[in-house]
């Protein structure tokens, strides 16, 4: 049913993750409205998005669904999808863990592979989708550099590695059960994003963490802690792979380090 959608996404060089997400939400939409793609109307699209809003999906998820449906029905099937507004994104405080909390989670795990997963997310700031597809040849242990091949936006970039994670990787490589090009190999090729999320959930539980740390939280921690130690914003932008430096500058406002030296007026009483 969605062969043309898959073909068009491949022709436009959408990332595998984007193709997967767009296909998933288009399938979910048809399950919701019980119609064929040719029968779908503008009102069906509107009703589905309102349904997601009522279910309290985040604005970013709803906008992603909006894009997925508009691409298929508007761009490919040439239907009039109407002028459905996008959600205004919520302004939320980004969750990030302290270095001590991250170390506590890593130490709580026994599996060397799982330790490296969490360490690498924090030490390099990579996205979880980039982590699972890392290959051995992308890691320069001597220079402590990591090459992210075709990350978000289909661009290559370099980021750094810590001395600690380099030693962890060295030991882990020699003990891997699968001899594969992938750093985190599995019988299916490489581990899934879901696997990494479950590992982090297990680490939080073992470390008795109340903070809801996700793989993306570790990326936030990487950026925030670099801001706090004075790393130039342009360097952080390069390591994170942000297209627009304004995205990176968000972390200037997240860091609370500068508040520690501000005196409260009550101290003058």
Protein backbone atom coordinates (compact mmCIF):
# COMPACT_ATOMS: atom_id res chain seq x y z
CA UNK A 1 0.00 0.00 0.00
CA UNK A 2 2.81 2.41 0.87
CA UNK A 3 5.27 1.35 -1.84
CA UNK A 4 5.19 4.76 -3.51
CA UNK A 5 5.79 6.50 -0.15
CA UNK A 6 8.85 4.32 0.51
CA UNK A 7 10.19 4.91 -3.01
CA UNK A 8 9.75 8.68 -2.81
CA UNK A 9 11.52 8.85 0.56
CA UNK A 10 14.44 6.85 -0.84
CA UNK A 11 14.64 9.12 -3.91
CA UNK A 12 14.81 12.15 -1.61
CA UNK A 13 17.51 10.43 0.47
CA UNK A 14 15.55 10.57 3.70
CA UNK A 15 17.45 8.96 6.56
CA UNK A 16 16.46 5.37 7.50
CA UNK A 17 15.06 6.68 10.78
CA UNK A 18 12.88 9.29 9.03
CA UNK A 19 11.61 6.68 6.56
CA UNK A 20 10.74 4.37 9.44
CA UNK A 21 8.89 7.07 11.40
CA UNK A 22 6.97 8.46 8.39
CA UNK A 23 5.83 4.96 7.41
CA UNK A 24 4.81 4.12 10.98
CA UNK A 25 2.62 7.20 11.48
CA UNK A 26 0.97 6.82 8.08
CA UNK A 27 0.07 3.26 9.01
CA UNK A 28 -1.25 4.37 12.40
CA UNK A 29 -3.35 7.07 10.76
CA UNK A 30 -5.13 4.57 8.48
CA UNK A 31 -5.81 2.29 11.44
CA UNK A 32 -7.43 5.27 13.13
CA UNK A 33 -9.67 6.44 10.28
CA UNK A 34 -10.42 2.99 8.73
CA UNK A 35 -10.13 4.30 5.18
CA UNK A 36 -7.93 3.71 2.17
CA UNK A 37 -5.44 6.47 1.23
CA UNK A 38 -7.61 7.49 -1.73
CA UNK A 39 -10.63 8.00 0.53
CA UNK A 40 -8.81 10.14 3.10
CA UNK A 41 -9.93 13.75 3.36
CA UNK A 42 -8.60 16.92 4.90
CA UNK A 43 -11.04 16.44 7.79
CA UNK A 44 -9.61 12.98 8.53
CA UNK A 45 -6.11 14.43 8.89
CA UNK A 46 -7.41 17.18 11.13
CA UNK A 47 -9.37 14.73 13.29
CA UNK A 48 -6.33 12.48 13.77
CA UNK A 49 -4.08 15.34 14.85
CA UNK A 50 -6.75 16.53 17.30
CA UNK A 51 -6.93 12.96 18.62
CA UNK A 52 -3.18 13.02 19.33
CA UNK A 53 -3.52 16.39 21.06
CA UNK A 54 -6.26 14.97 23.29
CA UNK A 55 -4.00 12.02 24.07
CA UNK A 56 -1.43 14.62 25.24
CA UNK A 57 1.28 13.77 22.73
CA UNK A 58 4.11 16.29 22.76
CA UNK A 59 4.02 19.15 20.26
CA UNK A 60 7.19 17.86 18.57
CA UNK A 61 5.60 14.43 18.01
CA UNK A 62 2.38 15.95 16.67
CA UNK A 63 4.35 18.17 14.29
CA UNK A 64 6.32 15.12 13.14
CA UNK A 65 3.05 13.27 12.41
CA UNK A 66 1.82 16.39 10.60
CA UNK A 67 4.91 16.32 8.38
CA UNK A 68 4.57 12.59 7.71
CA UNK A 69 0.93 12.85 6.65
CA UNK A 70 1.40 16.07 4.66
CA UNK A 71 4.30 14.52 2.75
CA UNK A 72 2.28 11.46 1.71
CA UNK A 73 -1.12 13.01 1.08
CA UNK A 74 -0.05 16.47 -0.03
CA UNK A 75 3.24 15.95 -1.88
CA UNK A 76 2.75 12.42 -3.24
CA UNK A 77 -1.00 11.84 -3.62
CA UNK A 78 -1.57 15.54 -4.46
CA UNK A 79 -4.54 15.85 -2.13
CA UNK A 80 -5.67 19.15 -0.67
CA UNK A 81 -4.57 18.76 2.92
CA UNK A 82 -5.76 22.23 3.86
CA UNK A 83 -4.08 24.75 6.08
CA UNK A 84 -3.79 22.74 9.30
CA UNK A 85 -1.70 24.73 11.80
CA UNK A 86 1.38 23.28 13.41
CA UNK A 87 1.69 23.04 17.18
CA UNK A 88 3.57 25.73 19.04
CA UNK A 89 6.41 23.94 20.77
CA UNK A 90 6.35 23.80 24.55
CA UNK A 91 9.11 25.62 26.37
CA UNK A 92 10.37 22.97 28.76
CA UNK A 93 13.43 22.78 30.97
CA UNK A 94 15.73 20.21 29.41
CA UNK A 95 16.68 17.33 31.66
CA UNK A 96 20.37 16.71 32.18
CA UNK A 97 22.27 14.66 34.72
CA UNK A 98 25.32 15.67 36.71
CA UNK A 99 28.67 13.93 36.06
CA UNK A 100 28.29 12.20 39.45
CA UNK A 101 24.85 10.85 38.53
CA UNK A 102 26.10 9.57 35.17
CA UNK A 103 29.08 7.88 36.81
CA UNK A 104 26.73 6.28 39.34
CA UNK A 105 24.61 4.78 36.53
CA UNK A 106 27.66 3.45 34.69
CA UNK A 107 29.07 1.88 37.85
CA UNK A 108 25.72 0.24 38.58
CA UNK A 109 25.99 -1.90 35.43
CA UNK A 110 27.95 -5.16 35.20
CA UNK A 111 27.90 -5.67 31.42
CA UNK A 112 30.97 -3.98 29.78
CA UNK A 113 29.00 -3.41 26.57
CA UNK A 114 26.28 -1.56 28.46
CA UNK A 115 28.83 0.52 30.35
CA UNK A 116 30.41 1.64 27.07
CA UNK A 117 27.00 2.55 25.61
CA UNK A 118 26.21 5.01 28.40
CA UNK A 119 29.77 6.33 28.66
CA UNK A 120 29.91 6.98 24.92
CA UNK A 121 26.59 8.81 24.81
CA UNK A 122 27.85 11.22 27.46
CA UNK A 123 31.51 11.43 26.39
CA UNK A 124 30.75 12.23 22.74
CA UNK A 125 27.26 13.79 22.73
CA UNK A 126 26.09 11.60 19.86
CA UNK A 127 22.41 10.89 19.24
CA UNK A 128 21.23 7.38 20.12
CA UNK A 129 20.43 6.76 16.43
CA UNK A 130 24.08 7.56 15.66
CA UNK A 131 25.39 5.45 18.54
CA UNK A 132 23.79 2.18 17.40
CA UNK A 133 25.29 2.42 13.90
CA UNK A 134 28.85 3.32 14.95
CA UNK A 135 31.54 1.26 13.23
CA UNK A 136 34.96 0.32 14.57
CA UNK A 137 36.72 2.21 11.78
CA UNK A 138 34.94 5.43 12.83
CA UNK A 139 36.79 5.47 16.16
CA UNK A 140 40.28 6.94 16.44
CA UNK A 141 41.45 5.81 19.87
CA UNK A 142 44.86 7.47 19.49
CA UNK A 143 43.49 10.95 18.74
CA UNK A 144 40.37 10.36 20.87
CA UNK A 145 38.08 11.34 18.01
CA UNK A 146 34.84 9.82 16.79
CA UNK A 147 33.58 10.22 13.23
CA UNK A 148 29.80 10.32 12.93
CA UNK A 149 29.00 9.22 9.39
CA UNK A 150 25.86 10.62 7.79
CA UNK A 151 24.27 11.87 10.99
CA UNK A 152 21.14 14.01 11.09
CA UNK A 153 20.92 16.05 7.90
CA UNK A 154 23.02 13.44 6.07
CA UNK A 155 26.30 15.05 7.16
CA UNK A 156 29.56 13.66 8.50
CA UNK A 157 31.14 15.28 11.54
CA UNK A 158 33.72 14.65 14.24
CA UNK A 159 33.27 14.75 17.99
CA UNK A 160 35.56 13.98 20.91
CA UNK A 161 36.09 11.01 23.22
CA UNK A 162 37.18 11.04 26.83
CA UNK A 163 40.25 9.17 28.11
CA UNK A 164 37.94 7.04 30.25
CA UNK A 165 35.71 5.91 27.40
CA UNK A 166 38.75 5.20 25.19
CA UNK A 167 40.03 2.73 27.77
CA UNK A 168 36.56 1.21 28.11
CA UNK A 169 36.30 0.78 24.33
CA UNK A 170 39.77 -0.83 24.10
CA UNK A 171 38.85 -3.46 26.70
CA UNK A 172 35.37 -4.01 25.26
CA UNK A 173 36.55 -4.54 21.66
CA UNK A 174 38.70 -7.49 22.71
CA UNK A 175 35.84 -9.15 24.57
CA UNK A 176 32.98 -8.71 22.08
CA UNK A 177 30.95 -11.87 21.32
CA UNK A 178 30.35 -10.73 17.71
CA UNK A 179 33.20 -9.89 15.36
CA UNK A 180 31.55 -7.15 13.37
CA UNK A 181 32.26 -3.75 11.86
CA UNK A 182 29.64 -2.36 14.24
CA UNK A 183 30.86 -1.36 17.67
CA UNK A 184 27.62 -2.56 19.25
CA UNK A 185 26.94 -5.62 17.16
CA UNK A 186 24.07 -8.07 17.47
CA UNK A 187 22.89 -11.15 15.62
CA UNK A 188 20.79 -8.80 13.46
CA UNK A 189 23.71 -6.50 12.58
CA UNK A 190 23.72 -3.81 15.27
CA UNK A 191 21.72 -3.18 18.44
CA UNK A 192 18.50 -1.19 18.25
CA UNK A 193 17.63 2.17 19.77
CA UNK A 194 15.15 0.33 21.98
CA UNK A 195 17.98 -1.81 23.38
CA UNK A 196 19.96 1.28 24.42
CA UNK A 197 16.87 2.82 26.01
CA UNK A 198 16.31 -0.38 28.01
CA UNK A 199 19.96 -0.44 29.13
CA UNK A 200 19.66 3.13 30.41
CA UNK A 201 16.38 2.31 32.14
CA UNK A 202 18.11 -0.60 33.88
CA UNK A 203 21.01 1.64 34.89
CA UNK A 204 18.63 4.25 36.37
CA UNK A 205 16.86 1.56 38.34
CA UNK A 206 20.06 -0.01 39.70
CA UNK A 207 21.48 3.39 40.62
CA UNK A 208 18.15 4.31 42.27
CA UNK A 209 17.88 7.46 40.20
CA UNK A 210 14.73 9.57 40.49
CA UNK A 211 15.73 11.74 37.50
CA UNK A 212 14.25 10.41 34.25
CA UNK A 213 17.46 10.21 32.23
CA UNK A 214 17.13 9.23 28.55
CA UNK A 215 19.79 8.82 25.84
CA UNK A 216 18.98 12.36 24.72
CA UNK A 217 19.38 13.61 28.29
CA UNK A 218 23.00 12.45 28.15
CA UNK A 219 23.44 14.51 24.97
CA UNK A 220 22.00 17.50 26.86
CA UNK A 221 24.43 16.79 29.71
CA UNK A 222 27.36 16.71 27.28
CA UNK A 223 26.40 20.12 25.85
CA UNK A 224 25.52 21.75 29.18
CA UNK A 225 28.69 20.63 30.93
CA UNK A 226 30.78 21.89 28.00
CA UNK A 227 29.06 25.27 28.35
CA UNK A 228 29.84 25.30 32.06
CA UNK A 229 33.53 24.58 31.52
CA UNK A 230 33.83 27.34 28.93
CA UNK A 231 34.05 25.40 25.66
CA UNK A 232 33.35 27.72 22.72
CA UNK A 233 29.78 27.52 21.44
CA UNK A 234 31.03 27.00 17.87
CA UNK A 235 32.96 23.89 18.95
CA UNK A 236 29.93 22.50 20.77
CA UNK A 237 27.82 23.16 17.68
CA UNK A 238 30.29 21.21 15.54
CA UNK A 239 30.40 18.25 17.94
CA UNK A 240 26.62 18.08 18.29
CA UNK A 241 26.05 18.47 14.56
CA UNK A 242 23.66 21.42 14.88
CA UNK A 243 22.93 23.15 11.59
CA UNK A 244 22.01 26.43 13.30
CA UNK A 245 24.14 27.80 16.13
CA UNK A 246 20.98 29.19 17.74
CA UNK A 247 20.05 25.61 18.60
CA UNK A 248 23.35 25.22 20.44
CA UNK A 249 22.93 28.54 22.24
CA UNK A 250 19.88 27.12 24.03
CA UNK A 251 22.37 25.42 26.33
CA UNK A 252 23.72 28.79 27.39
CA UNK A 253 20.38 29.37 29.10
CA UNK A 254 20.12 25.83 30.51
CA UNK A 255 23.37 26.00 32.43
CA UNK A 256 22.85 27.30 35.96
CA UNK A 257 26.55 27.62 36.76
CA UNK A 258 26.53 31.39 36.29
CA UNK A 259 23.75 31.71 38.88
CA UNK A 260 25.93 30.31 41.66
CA UNK A 261 27.97 33.51 41.91
CA UNK A 262 25.01 35.90 41.89
CA UNK A 263 24.21 37.35 45.29
CA UNK A 264 20.59 37.38 46.47
CA UNK A 265 19.36 40.86 47.53
CA UNK A 266 18.18 39.31 50.80
CA UNK A 267 21.84 38.74 51.71
CA UNK A 268 22.17 42.53 51.96
CA UNK A 269 19.56 42.79 54.74
